[in-house]
C-alpha cells in the first residue's frame, strides 16, 4: 500500500546511509518472488536463512511471503552441527547464506542433497550458487505478484532451541504476525516520518518484527549488519534516528561510548527494551541522556509475541518514588487476555504466584511436527508461557521465576538440556545440572554443576572446550562447579532450584575468599 500511494518515501536505510524507498523495496520484493518461482520454489516450501542483517534479508522475508513459502531464520551464532540439525528438522528446500558461513553451507548441502536452491547474500555469486542481487536483477517484471493467503498460512518457522533433544520449531501464521504488528503499533504509538532501529537481529522475532512495524505504519527502519554502539551513536547524532529497541546491556554499551553526553537528542521519541529488567541507575542515566519515553516489552515473543507492557508513564511513576515497580513487567497489552493459573489451569488469587497464560490472535499455530508439546503449550486456546508471576492490586505483574529451566543470557534463550547432554557425554562426568546464575551485565550466565565420575578429576577448561566444539559461544558455561551428591527428589531427578541455590552459594564463597 505504501509503495502504491507513497512510493518515494524511505522504507529501509542501511548503516552506510544508502536508502531504499517503499517503491524500490516493493519492486525488489516482486522481482525476487518471481525469480524464486522460476527456480521451482512454490507455496509451502521452506527457505532457510543464515546471515547477518541486511536490506536483502528483509526483501527475502517479504518475497517468501509473496509466494506463500515459509521462511526459517537461523541464528548465526550457532555451530555447524546445530544449524544442520535445524535444517533437517525444518526439511529445508532452499538455503540462503553468506560467504563467511561457507563451511556451514557446505555442511547443510551435504546433509540435504535435494535442496532446490542454494543462494548467497554476497553481491556476486557463482553459477551454482547465485546471489540474491543476481536473482533480482535477472527479472525485468516488477509488477505485483498475484498472491492468495489465508490467515492460518504458516509463513515462518522459528526455532527456540538447538541441537540436542528435539528442536522446537515455532510455526507462525499470517494471522499471528499480522495481529502482533497491529497490536504493537497500538501500544507503542509509532508514527509516520520516524526512523527507528532494532538492535535485535533479524533472526529474532523482535528484530524482524520491528521492521514489520515500519512497513505497516509507513516509517523507515535503520538496518545495521550487527549491533555497534559507536555506529548507533553516529546515527543518533545525525538527528535522523527517532527511536530504538535495545536490551539493557546494549543500552549500557551505548551510554559507555565516549561523547554520548556531549549533545542533546531532541528527535528521540522512545526507547523499547526487553529481555531483562533495567536497573534504577541505568534507567535514570538513560532518561537523563536521551530524554525520551521508555517502554519495557515482555512476552514469549516467538510463541505468543508481546504479552505485557511497562509504559512510559509507569517508568515515571517508578522514578517518582515507587521504585519497586521497576521490577514489574507491566500490564497486559492491547487485545490480550491474561490469567495467572495453577497446574490445573485454575485462576490463582491476586498476590499469589501462578503461571502466565494468555489468549489472543498472536499465539503460534503450534510446534513443528510435535503435536504432543503443542497440546501441552496451547490448552483450549490459552497459551501456557511457563513464566511464573504474581499480580499486585494495581494490576502490575511481577515475575517469580520460570516453570521451565530456561536461562536468558543477554536476551538469548539458553536451554540447559542442550549443554547437559554435551557434558554428560564426557567420561569424567557422572551427573550434571546446568543453571542460570544472576549476572549484573548479562542478566544471567550459564553455570554447570558437575558430579565427577569415580576416579576422575574435574578439568574445567577441558569441559568448556568440549562445549565450544558443539555449542554456540553464549551457551558455554562460564564456570563449572564440582559438587557431590547434588539435590534430587524421591524419583532421583535433580532439583534444579536447589542445585542453583548451592551453585550461587558456592560461587559467592569462592569470590569472598578471593
Protein backbone atom coordinates (compact mmCIF):
# COMPACT_ATOMS: atom_id res chain seq x y z
CA UNK A 1 0.00 0.00 0.00
CA UNK A 2 2.76 2.44 0.87
CA UNK A 3 4.58 1.53 -2.36
CA UNK A 4 1.39 2.32 -4.25
CA UNK A 5 0.48 5.60 -2.60
CA UNK A 6 3.77 6.91 -1.14
CA UNK A 7 6.45 5.24 -3.31
CA UNK A 8 9.12 7.96 -2.86
CA UNK A 9 9.23 7.84 0.94
CA UNK A 10 12.05 5.97 2.69
CA UNK A 11 11.38 2.41 3.78
CA UNK A 12 14.77 0.82 4.60
CA UNK A 13 18.05 2.59 5.40
CA UNK A 14 21.34 0.71 5.66
CA UNK A 15 24.14 1.69 8.01
CA UNK A 16 26.25 3.29 5.28
CA UNK A 17 23.44 5.75 4.57
CA UNK A 18 22.09 4.03 1.46
CA UNK A 19 18.31 4.13 1.48
CA UNK A 20 15.52 2.34 -0.39
CA UNK A 21 12.06 3.85 -0.85
CA UNK A 22 8.85 1.90 -0.43
CA UNK A 23 8.57 1.76 -4.22
CA UNK A 24 12.11 0.43 -4.61
CA UNK A 25 11.67 -2.20 -1.90
CA UNK A 26 8.38 -3.39 -3.41
CA UNK A 27 9.99 -3.66 -6.86
CA UNK A 28 12.86 -5.71 -5.41
CA UNK A 29 10.45 -7.98 -3.50
CA UNK A 30 8.30 -8.66 -6.56
CA UNK A 31 11.29 -9.46 -8.76
CA UNK A 32 12.84 -11.79 -6.19
CA UNK A 33 9.49 -13.56 -5.73
CA UNK A 34 9.29 -14.17 -9.49
CA UNK A 35 12.90 -15.41 -9.56
CA UNK A 36 12.21 -17.88 -6.75
CA UNK A 37 9.17 -19.21 -8.56
CA UNK A 38 11.20 -19.67 -11.73
CA UNK A 39 13.68 -21.73 -9.67
CA UNK A 40 10.87 -24.02 -8.55
CA UNK A 41 10.22 -22.53 -5.12
CA UNK A 42 6.50 -22.93 -4.52
CA UNK A 43 3.86 -22.36 -1.88
CA UNK A 44 4.61 -24.22 1.35
CA UNK A 45 8.29 -24.78 0.64
CA UNK A 46 10.80 -23.74 3.30
CA UNK A 47 13.60 -21.21 2.91
CA UNK A 48 16.43 -21.34 5.47
CA UNK A 49 18.31 -18.07 6.06
CA UNK A 50 21.70 -17.78 7.77
CA UNK A 51 23.09 -14.25 7.63
CA UNK A 52 23.68 -11.02 9.46
CA UNK A 53 21.16 -8.22 8.93
CA UNK A 54 20.83 -6.56 5.53
CA UNK A 55 18.25 -4.94 3.29
CA UNK A 56 18.08 -8.05 1.12
CA UNK A 57 17.46 -10.20 4.22
CA UNK A 58 14.21 -8.29 4.70
CA UNK A 59 13.48 -8.39 0.96
CA UNK A 60 13.83 -12.20 1.06
CA UNK A 61 11.42 -12.46 4.01
CA UNK A 62 8.79 -10.48 2.12
CA UNK A 63 9.38 -12.32 -1.17
CA UNK A 64 8.87 -15.59 0.70
CA UNK A 65 5.52 -14.33 1.97
CA UNK A 66 4.60 -13.18 -1.56
CA UNK A 67 4.87 -16.69 -3.00
CA UNK A 68 3.35 -18.39 0.04
CA UNK A 69 6.52 -20.19 1.10
CA UNK A 70 7.80 -20.38 4.70
CA UNK A 71 10.98 -18.67 5.84
CA UNK A 72 13.18 -20.24 8.52
CA UNK A 73 15.60 -17.68 10.04
CA UNK A 74 18.60 -19.29 11.72
CA UNK A 75 20.80 -17.95 14.49
CA UNK A 76 24.24 -17.18 13.01
CA UNK A 77 25.84 -17.74 16.44
CA UNK A 78 25.12 -21.48 16.26
CA UNK A 79 27.71 -24.05 15.23
CA UNK A 80 27.60 -26.04 12.00
CA UNK A 81 26.23 -29.14 13.74
CA UNK A 82 23.46 -27.09 15.35
CA UNK A 83 22.49 -25.50 12.03
CA UNK A 84 22.46 -28.89 10.27
CA UNK A 85 20.16 -30.31 12.92
CA UNK A 86 17.72 -27.42 12.50
CA UNK A 87 17.91 -27.59 8.70
CA UNK A 88 16.98 -31.26 8.84
CA UNK A 89 14.18 -30.65 11.32
CA UNK A 90 12.72 -27.99 9.03
CA UNK A 91 13.17 -30.11 5.86
CA UNK A 92 14.52 -27.07 4.05
CA UNK A 93 14.03 -26.68 0.31
CA UNK A 94 16.19 -23.54 -0.06
CA UNK A 95 19.24 -22.29 1.85
CA UNK A 96 20.45 -18.67 1.61
CA UNK A 97 23.63 -17.73 3.45
CA UNK A 98 26.83 -15.65 3.32
CA UNK A 99 30.42 -16.35 2.36
CA UNK A 100 31.51 -16.13 5.99
CA UNK A 101 29.34 -19.18 6.66
CA UNK A 102 30.64 -21.17 3.68
CA UNK A 103 31.63 -24.15 5.85
CA UNK A 104 28.16 -24.30 7.38
CA UNK A 105 26.56 -24.01 3.94
CA UNK A 106 28.66 -26.94 2.73
CA UNK A 107 27.58 -29.00 5.74
CA UNK A 108 23.92 -28.19 5.06
CA UNK A 109 24.27 -29.14 1.37
CA UNK A 110 25.83 -32.47 2.37
CA UNK A 111 23.01 -33.12 4.85
CA UNK A 112 20.26 -32.05 2.44
CA UNK A 113 21.40 -33.04 -1.07
CA UNK A 114 17.91 -32.41 -2.54
CA UNK A 115 17.90 -28.66 -1.88
CA UNK A 116 16.19 -26.91 -4.80
CA UNK A 117 18.26 -23.74 -4.45
CA UNK A 118 21.35 -22.53 -2.59
CA UNK A 119 21.99 -18.79 -2.80
CA UNK A 120 24.13 -16.12 -1.17
CA UNK A 121 23.65 -12.56 0.02
CA UNK A 122 27.06 -11.57 -1.40
CA UNK A 123 26.91 -9.20 -4.40
CA UNK A 124 28.39 -11.79 -6.77
CA UNK A 125 27.54 -15.44 -6.54
CA UNK A 126 28.63 -18.40 -8.68
CA UNK A 127 26.97 -20.46 -11.36
CA UNK A 128 25.53 -22.98 -8.90
CA UNK A 129 25.12 -20.50 -6.02
CA UNK A 130 23.57 -17.28 -7.36
CA UNK A 131 23.39 -14.12 -5.30
CA UNK A 132 20.11 -12.57 -4.23
CA UNK A 133 21.08 -9.49 -6.26
CA UNK A 134 21.54 -11.61 -9.39
CA UNK A 135 18.17 -13.25 -8.88
CA UNK A 136 16.56 -9.82 -8.55
CA UNK A 137 18.36 -8.20 -11.46
CA UNK A 138 17.54 -11.11 -13.72
CA UNK A 139 13.86 -10.17 -13.56
CA UNK A 140 12.52 -7.25 -15.60
CA UNK A 141 8.92 -7.61 -14.43
CA UNK A 142 8.44 -5.87 -11.06
CA UNK A 143 4.65 -5.82 -11.09
CA UNK A 144 2.64 -7.13 -8.14
CA UNK A 145 2.90 -10.90 -7.74
CA UNK A 146 -0.57 -12.50 -7.55
CA UNK A 147 -0.86 -13.95 -4.09
CA UNK A 148 -3.72 -15.60 -2.22
CA UNK A 149 -3.08 -16.00 1.50
CA UNK A 150 -5.19 -17.32 4.34
CA UNK A 151 -4.91 -16.21 7.99
CA UNK A 152 -3.63 -19.61 9.15
CA UNK A 153 -0.98 -19.97 6.44
CA UNK A 154 2.34 -20.69 8.20
CA UNK A 155 4.75 -18.10 6.88
CA UNK A 156 7.57 -18.57 9.39
CA UNK A 157 9.20 -21.32 11.43
CA UNK A 158 11.47 -20.04 14.20
CA UNK A 159 13.48 -22.42 16.35
CA UNK A 160 13.76 -21.83 20.08
CA UNK A 161 16.40 -24.50 20.82
CA UNK A 162 19.48 -26.01 19.26
CA UNK A 163 20.89 -29.43 18.54
CA UNK A 164 20.21 -31.77 21.43
CA UNK A 165 16.86 -33.14 22.37
CA UNK A 166 14.04 -32.25 19.99
CA UNK A 167 14.36 -28.78 18.43
CA UNK A 168 11.23 -26.68 18.97
CA UNK A 169 10.19 -25.14 15.68
CA UNK A 170 7.54 -22.49 16.32
CA UNK A 171 5.05 -22.22 13.44
CA UNK A 172 3.95 -18.61 12.97
CA UNK A 173 0.91 -17.79 10.86
CA UNK A 174 -0.06 -14.76 8.82
CA UNK A 175 -2.73 -14.16 11.45
CA UNK A 176 -0.18 -14.22 14.28
CA UNK A 177 2.35 -11.86 12.72
CA UNK A 178 -0.29 -9.50 11.34
CA UNK A 179 -2.05 -9.25 14.69
CA UNK A 180 1.22 -8.83 16.58
CA UNK A 181 2.21 -5.96 14.29
CA UNK A 182 -1.13 -4.18 14.71
CA UNK A 183 -1.25 -4.62 18.48
CA UNK A 184 2.33 -3.42 18.94
CA UNK A 185 1.69 -0.32 16.84
CA UNK A 186 -1.35 0.43 19.02
CA UNK A 187 0.64 0.28 22.27
CA UNK A 188 3.94 1.78 21.10
CA UNK A 189 2.33 4.64 19.21
CA UNK A 190 4.95 4.75 16.44
CA UNK A 191 4.24 7.39 13.77
CA UNK A 192 4.94 8.05 10.11
CA UNK A 193 8.07 10.05 9.49
CA UNK A 194 10.14 8.18 12.07
CA UNK A 195 13.43 6.36 11.56
CA UNK A 196 13.74 3.52 14.05
CA UNK A 197 16.37 0.86 14.75
CA UNK A 198 16.23 -2.60 16.32
CA UNK A 199 19.40 -3.96 17.92
CA UNK A 200 17.76 -7.38 17.97
CA UNK A 201 18.96 -9.33 14.89
CA UNK A 202 16.52 -10.28 12.15
CA UNK A 203 16.61 -13.97 13.06
CA UNK A 204 14.85 -12.93 16.29
CA UNK A 205 11.12 -12.27 16.34
CA UNK A 206 11.80 -8.80 17.77
CA UNK A 207 14.35 -7.96 15.09
CA UNK A 208 12.19 -8.64 12.07
CA UNK A 209 9.06 -7.55 13.96
CA UNK A 210 10.35 -4.01 14.45
CA UNK A 211 10.90 -3.66 10.70
CA UNK A 212 7.42 -5.04 10.03
CA UNK A 213 6.10 -2.19 12.20
CA UNK A 214 7.73 0.35 9.88
CA UNK A 215 6.47 -1.36 6.73
CA UNK A 216 2.93 -1.49 8.12
CA UNK A 217 2.85 2.02 9.59
CA UNK A 218 4.83 3.75 6.87
CA UNK A 219 8.03 4.84 8.62
CA UNK A 220 11.65 3.98 7.83
CA UNK A 221 13.82 1.36 9.55
CA UNK A 222 17.58 1.61 10.03
CA UNK A 223 19.47 -1.65 9.41
CA UNK A 224 22.97 -2.26 10.78
CA UNK A 225 24.53 -5.62 9.94
CA UNK A 226 25.22 -6.14 13.66
CA UNK A 227 24.81 -4.06 16.81
CA UNK A 228 27.55 -1.46 17.13
CA UNK A 229 27.06 1.24 19.81
CA UNK A 230 29.52 3.63 18.11
CA UNK A 231 27.69 3.47 14.78
CA UNK A 232 24.36 3.76 16.55
CA UNK A 233 25.53 6.92 18.31
CA UNK A 234 26.56 8.37 14.95
CA UNK A 235 23.00 7.92 13.69
CA UNK A 236 21.60 9.49 16.86
CA UNK A 237 23.94 12.46 16.38
CA UNK A 238 22.72 12.85 12.79
CA UNK A 239 19.34 13.95 14.11
CA UNK A 240 17.52 11.38 11.98
CA UNK A 241 17.07 8.44 14.34
CA UNK A 242 13.88 8.76 16.42
CA UNK A 243 13.92 5.52 18.41
CA UNK A 244 15.40 2.09 19.00
CA UNK A 245 14.87 -1.30 20.57
CA UNK A 246 17.74 -2.48 22.78
CA UNK A 247 18.45 -4.92 25.56
CA UNK A 248 19.53 -3.20 28.82
CA UNK A 249 23.11 -4.44 28.23
CA UNK A 250 23.10 -2.74 24.82
CA UNK A 251 21.72 0.45 26.30
CA UNK A 252 24.57 0.41 28.81
CA UNK A 253 27.05 -0.13 25.97
CA UNK A 254 25.62 2.92 24.19
CA UNK A 255 25.94 5.07 27.30
CA UNK A 256 29.56 3.92 27.69
CA UNK A 257 30.55 5.36 24.29
CA UNK A 258 32.72 8.48 24.78
CA UNK A 259 30.91 11.65 23.85
CA UNK A 260 27.38 10.30 24.24
CA UNK A 261 26.59 13.14 26.68
CA UNK A 262 28.09 15.90 24.54
CA UNK A 263 24.84 16.91 22.87
CA UNK A 264 21.07 16.59 23.32
CA UNK A 265 18.91 14.28 21.20
CA UNK A 266 15.63 16.15 20.84
CA UNK A 267 14.49 13.98 17.91
CA UNK A 268 14.49 10.78 20.02
CA UNK A 269 10.90 9.73 20.72
CA UNK A 270 11.26 6.41 22.55
CA UNK A 271 13.46 3.50 23.56
CA UNK A 272 11.99 0.00 23.80
CA UNK A 273 13.85 -2.57 25.88
CA UNK A 274 13.18 -6.14 26.90
CA UNK A 275 14.79 -9.45 27.72
CA UNK A 276 15.72 -8.30 31.23
CA UNK A 277 14.73 -5.80 33.87
CA UNK A 278 16.53 -2.47 33.88
CA UNK A 279 18.45 -1.17 36.88
CA UNK A 280 17.34 2.06 38.53
CA UNK A 281 20.69 3.78 38.00
CA UNK A 282 20.84 2.75 34.33
CA UNK A 283 17.29 3.96 33.70
CA UNK A 284 17.88 7.32 35.37
CA UNK A 285 21.06 7.86 33.36
CA UNK A 286 19.40 6.82 30.09
CA UNK A 287 16.44 9.15 30.63
CA UNK A 288 18.80 11.97 31.57
CA UNK A 289 20.94 11.49 28.44
CA UNK A 290 18.28 10.61 25.86
CA UNK A 291 15.30 12.47 27.37
CA UNK A 292 12.65 10.29 25.73
CA UNK A 293 9.95 7.76 26.55
CA UNK A 294 10.87 4.24 27.69
CA UNK A 295 8.86 1.05 27.13
CA UNK A 296 9.59 -2.37 28.64
CA UNK A 297 8.07 -5.08 26.46
CA UNK A 298 7.77 -8.60 27.86
CA UNK A 299 6.47 -11.75 26.27
CA UNK A 300 7.01 -15.14 24.75
CA UNK A 301 8.00 -13.34 21.55
CA UNK A 302 8.48 -16.39 19.34
CA UNK A 303 5.42 -18.32 20.51
CA UNK A 304 2.97 -15.61 21.59
CA UNK A 305 4.54 -12.24 20.72
CA UNK A 306 4.36 -9.42 23.27
CA UNK A 307 2.24 -10.11 26.32
CA UNK A 308 2.76 -7.24 28.76
CA UNK A 309 4.00 -3.66 28.61
CA UNK A 310 5.52 -1.32 31.17
CA UNK A 311 4.65 2.06 29.68
CA UNK A 312 6.48 5.43 29.84
CA UNK A 313 4.06 6.72 32.49
CA UNK A 314 4.84 3.61 34.58
CA UNK A 315 8.56 4.38 34.38
CA UNK A 316 7.98 7.95 35.54
CA UNK A 317 5.79 6.70 38.39
CA UNK A 318 8.57 4.34 39.46
CA UNK A 319 11.25 7.06 39.36
CA UNK A 320 8.96 9.40 41.30
CA UNK A 321 9.17 7.19 44.36
CA UNK A 322 7.70 3.77 43.60
CA UNK A 323 10.97 2.17 42.53
CA UNK A 324 9.65 -1.33 43.27
CA UNK A 325 7.61 -1.00 40.06
CA UNK A 326 10.81 -1.29 38.02
CA UNK A 327 10.71 -4.96 38.96
CA UNK A 328 7.38 -5.24 37.15
CA UNK A 329 6.85 -6.45 33.61
CA UNK A 330 3.83 -4.16 33.34
CA UNK A 331 0.23 -4.96 32.49
CA UNK A 332 -1.38 -6.92 29.61
CA UNK A 333 -1.06 -5.44 26.14
CA UNK A 334 -3.96 -4.33 23.95
CA UNK A 335 -6.29 -7.09 22.79
CA UNK A 336 -4.79 -9.74 25.05
CA UNK A 337 -6.50 -11.76 27.77
CA UNK A 338 -4.08 -12.79 30.54
CA UNK A 339 -4.55 -15.07 33.54
CA UNK A 340 -2.36 -16.46 36.30
CA UNK A 341 -3.12 -20.14 36.80
CA UNK A 342 -2.13 -23.21 38.78
CA UNK A 343 -1.14 -26.50 37.17
CA UNK A 344 -4.79 -27.35 36.53
CA UNK A 345 -5.45 -24.05 34.72
CA UNK A 346 -7.44 -22.64 37.64
CA UNK A 347 -7.05 -18.93 38.39
CA UNK A 348 -4.93 -18.12 41.44
CA UNK A 349 -5.87 -15.27 43.82
CA UNK A 350 -4.27 -11.87 43.26
CA UNK A 351 -0.93 -11.68 45.04
CA UNK A 352 -0.32 -15.41 44.63
CA UNK A 353 2.18 -16.84 42.16
CA UNK A 354 0.75 -18.56 39.10
CA UNK A 355 1.71 -19.42 35.54
CA UNK A 356 1.14 -16.74 32.91
CA UNK A 357 -1.38 -17.97 30.33
CA UNK A 358 -2.68 -15.76 27.53
CA UNK A 359 -5.28 -15.84 24.79
CA UNK A 360 -5.07 -13.60 21.73
CA UNK A 361 -4.64 -13.54 17.97
CA UNK A 362 -0.87 -13.52 18.47
CA UNK A 363 -0.47 -17.14 19.60
CA UNK A 364 1.53 -19.54 17.41
CA UNK A 365 -0.02 -22.31 15.33
CA UNK A 366 1.99 -24.91 17.25
CA UNK A 367 5.35 -26.67 17.28
CA UNK A 368 6.62 -28.21 14.05
CA UNK A 369 5.90 -31.96 13.86
CA UNK A 370 5.27 -32.05 17.61
CA UNK A 371 1.56 -32.35 18.46
CA UNK A 372 2.36 -33.55 21.97
CA UNK A 373 4.25 -30.43 23.02
CA UNK A 374 1.75 -28.28 21.11
CA UNK A 375 -1.08 -29.74 23.20
CA UNK A 376 0.88 -29.03 26.37
CA UNK A 377 1.51 -25.40 25.38
CA UNK A 378 -1.93 -24.49 23.96
CA UNK A 379 -4.87 -25.56 26.08
CA UNK A 380 -8.35 -24.61 24.85
CA UNK A 381 -6.86 -21.62 23.03
CA UNK A 382 -4.77 -20.48 26.03
CA UNK A 383 -1.01 -20.37 25.65
CA UNK A 384 0.97 -21.58 28.65
CA UNK A 385 4.15 -19.50 28.69
CA UNK A 386 5.89 -21.35 31.51
CA UNK A 387 6.64 -17.99 33.19
CA UNK A 388 5.54 -17.65 36.79
CA UNK A 389 4.32 -14.32 38.15
CA UNK A 390 2.09 -12.59 40.66
CA UNK A 391 -0.12 -9.52 40.29
CA UNK A 392 -0.46 -6.59 42.70
CA UNK A 393 -3.64 -4.66 43.44
CA UNK A 394 -2.97 -2.20 40.61
CA UNK A 395 -2.68 -4.97 38.04
CA UNK A 396 1.11 -4.83 37.68
CA UNK A 397 2.73 -8.22 37.06
CA UNK A 398 5.96 -9.31 38.75
CA UNK A 399 7.94 -12.32 37.56
CA UNK A 400 8.58 -15.04 40.11
CA UNK A 401 10.73 -17.35 38.02
CA UNK A 402 10.20 -19.80 35.18
CA UNK A 403 8.39 -23.06 35.26
CA UNK A 404 10.96 -24.41 32.86
CA UNK A 405 14.67 -24.19 33.47
CA UNK A 406 15.36 -21.90 30.52
CA UNK A 407 18.19 -19.40 31.03
CA UNK A 408 18.06 -15.94 29.44
CA UNK A 409 21.56 -14.61 28.80
CA UNK A 410 21.56 -11.10 27.36
CA UNK A 411 18.25 -11.73 25.60
CA UNK A 412 19.32 -15.14 24.21
CA UNK A 413 17.35 -18.19 25.33
CA UNK A 414 19.57 -20.99 26.59
CA UNK A 415 18.06 -24.42 27.26
CA UNK A 416 20.06 -26.39 29.88
CA UNK A 417 19.29 -29.77 28.31
CA UNK A 418 21.47 -28.90 25.31
CA UNK A 419 24.52 -28.22 27.50
CA UNK A 420 23.82 -31.07 29.90
CA UNK A 421 23.72 -33.55 27.03
CA UNK A 422 27.13 -32.43 25.77
CA UNK A 423 28.74 -32.53 29.22
CA UNK A 424 27.14 -35.84 30.13
CA UNK A 425 28.98 -37.49 27.23
CA UNK A 426 32.38 -36.62 28.73
CA UNK A 427 33.89 -39.61 30.57
CA UNK A 428 34.77 -37.56 33.66
CA UNK A 429 31.14 -36.52 34.29
CA UNK A 430 28.80 -38.70 36.29
CA UNK A 431 25.94 -36.21 36.58
CA UNK A 432 25.40 -32.59 35.56
CA UNK A 433 22.92 -29.82 36.21
CA UNK A 434 23.08 -26.57 34.24
CA UNK A 435 21.55 -23.47 35.82
CA UNK A 436 21.37 -19.74 35.29
CA UNK A 437 23.19 -17.54 37.80
CA UNK A 438 22.40 -13.80 38.16
CA UNK A 439 24.88 -11.51 36.43
CA UNK A 440 24.92 -7.70 36.50
CA UNK A 441 25.77 -7.42 32.80
CA UNK A 442 24.08 -10.36 31.05
CA UNK A 443 21.12 -10.78 33.40
CA UNK A 444 22.01 -14.45 33.75
CA UNK A 445 25.05 -16.55 32.82
CA UNK A 446 25.36 -20.29 32.33
CA UNK A 447 26.99 -22.34 35.10
CA UNK A 448 27.26 -26.13 35.22
CA UNK A 449 27.26 -28.16 38.42
CA UNK A 450 29.06 -31.46 37.90
CA UNK A 451 29.39 -34.67 39.88
CA UNK A 452 32.69 -36.24 38.83
CA UNK A 453 32.82 -39.90 37.86
CA UNK A 454 34.69 -42.21 40.28
CA UNK A 455 38.44 -41.91 39.83
CA UNK A 456 38.14 -38.88 37.53
CA UNK A 457 39.39 -35.34 38.11
CA UNK A 458 37.43 -32.25 37.11
CA UNK A 459 39.15 -30.29 34.34
CA UNK A 460 37.06 -27.13 33.88
CA UNK A 461 38.92 -25.92 30.77
CA UNK A 462 38.59 -29.31 29.07
CA UNK A 463 34.83 -29.46 29.69
CA UNK A 464 34.37 -25.90 28.43
CA UNK A 465 36.36 -26.78 25.31
CA UNK A 466 34.07 -29.76 24.70
CA UNK A 467 31.09 -27.41 24.86
CA UNK A 468 32.67 -24.90 22.49
CA UNK A 469 33.14 -27.62 19.87
CA UNK A 470 29.40 -28.29 19.65
CA UNK A 471 27.58 -25.28 21.06
CA UNK A 472 27.29 -21.57 20.37
CA UNK A 473 29.65 -19.44 22.46
CA UNK A 474 26.89 -17.93 24.61
CA UNK A 475 25.82 -21.43 25.70
CA UNK A 476 29.25 -22.43 27.04
CA UNK A 477 29.28 -22.41 30.88
CA UNK A 478 31.32 -19.54 32.33
CA UNK A 479 32.03 -21.74 35.35
CA UNK A 480 31.90 -25.46 36.06
CA UNK A 481 31.46 -26.19 39.74
CA UNK A 482 32.30 -29.60 41.21
CA UNK A 483 29.68 -30.92 43.60
CA UNK A 484 28.98 -34.17 45.40
CA UNK A 485 25.52 -35.66 45.90
CA UNK A 486 23.54 -32.95 44.15
CA UNK A 487 19.98 -32.48 45.48
CA UNK A 488 17.46 -34.92 44.00
CA UNK A 489 13.80 -35.68 44.55
CA UNK A 490 12.41 -39.07 45.53
CA UNK A 491 12.50 -40.16 41.89
CA UNK A 492 16.19 -39.36 41.60
CA UNK A 493 15.65 -36.31 39.41
CA UNK A 494 17.83 -33.28 40.06
CA UNK A 495 16.07 -30.48 41.91
CA UNK A 496 17.27 -27.59 39.78
CA UNK A 497 16.18 -24.86 42.18
CA UNK A 498 18.22 -26.46 44.97
CA UNK A 499 21.20 -27.02 42.66
CA UNK A 500 21.05 -23.38 41.62
CA UNK A 501 20.99 -22.19 45.25
CA UNK A 502 24.06 -24.30 46.07
CA UNK A 503 25.90 -23.05 42.98
CA UNK A 504 25.20 -19.42 43.85
CA UNK A 505 26.31 -20.05 47.42
CA UNK A 506 29.49 -21.81 46.28
CA UNK A 507 30.41 -19.06 43.83
CA UNK A 508 29.76 -16.35 46.42
CA UNK A 509 32.01 -18.14 48.90
CA UNK A 510 34.74 -18.51 46.27
CA UNK A 511 34.58 -14.82 45.38
CA UNK A 512 34.56 -13.88 49.05
CA UNK A 513 37.62 -15.99 49.71
CA UNK A 514 39.34 -14.40 46.71
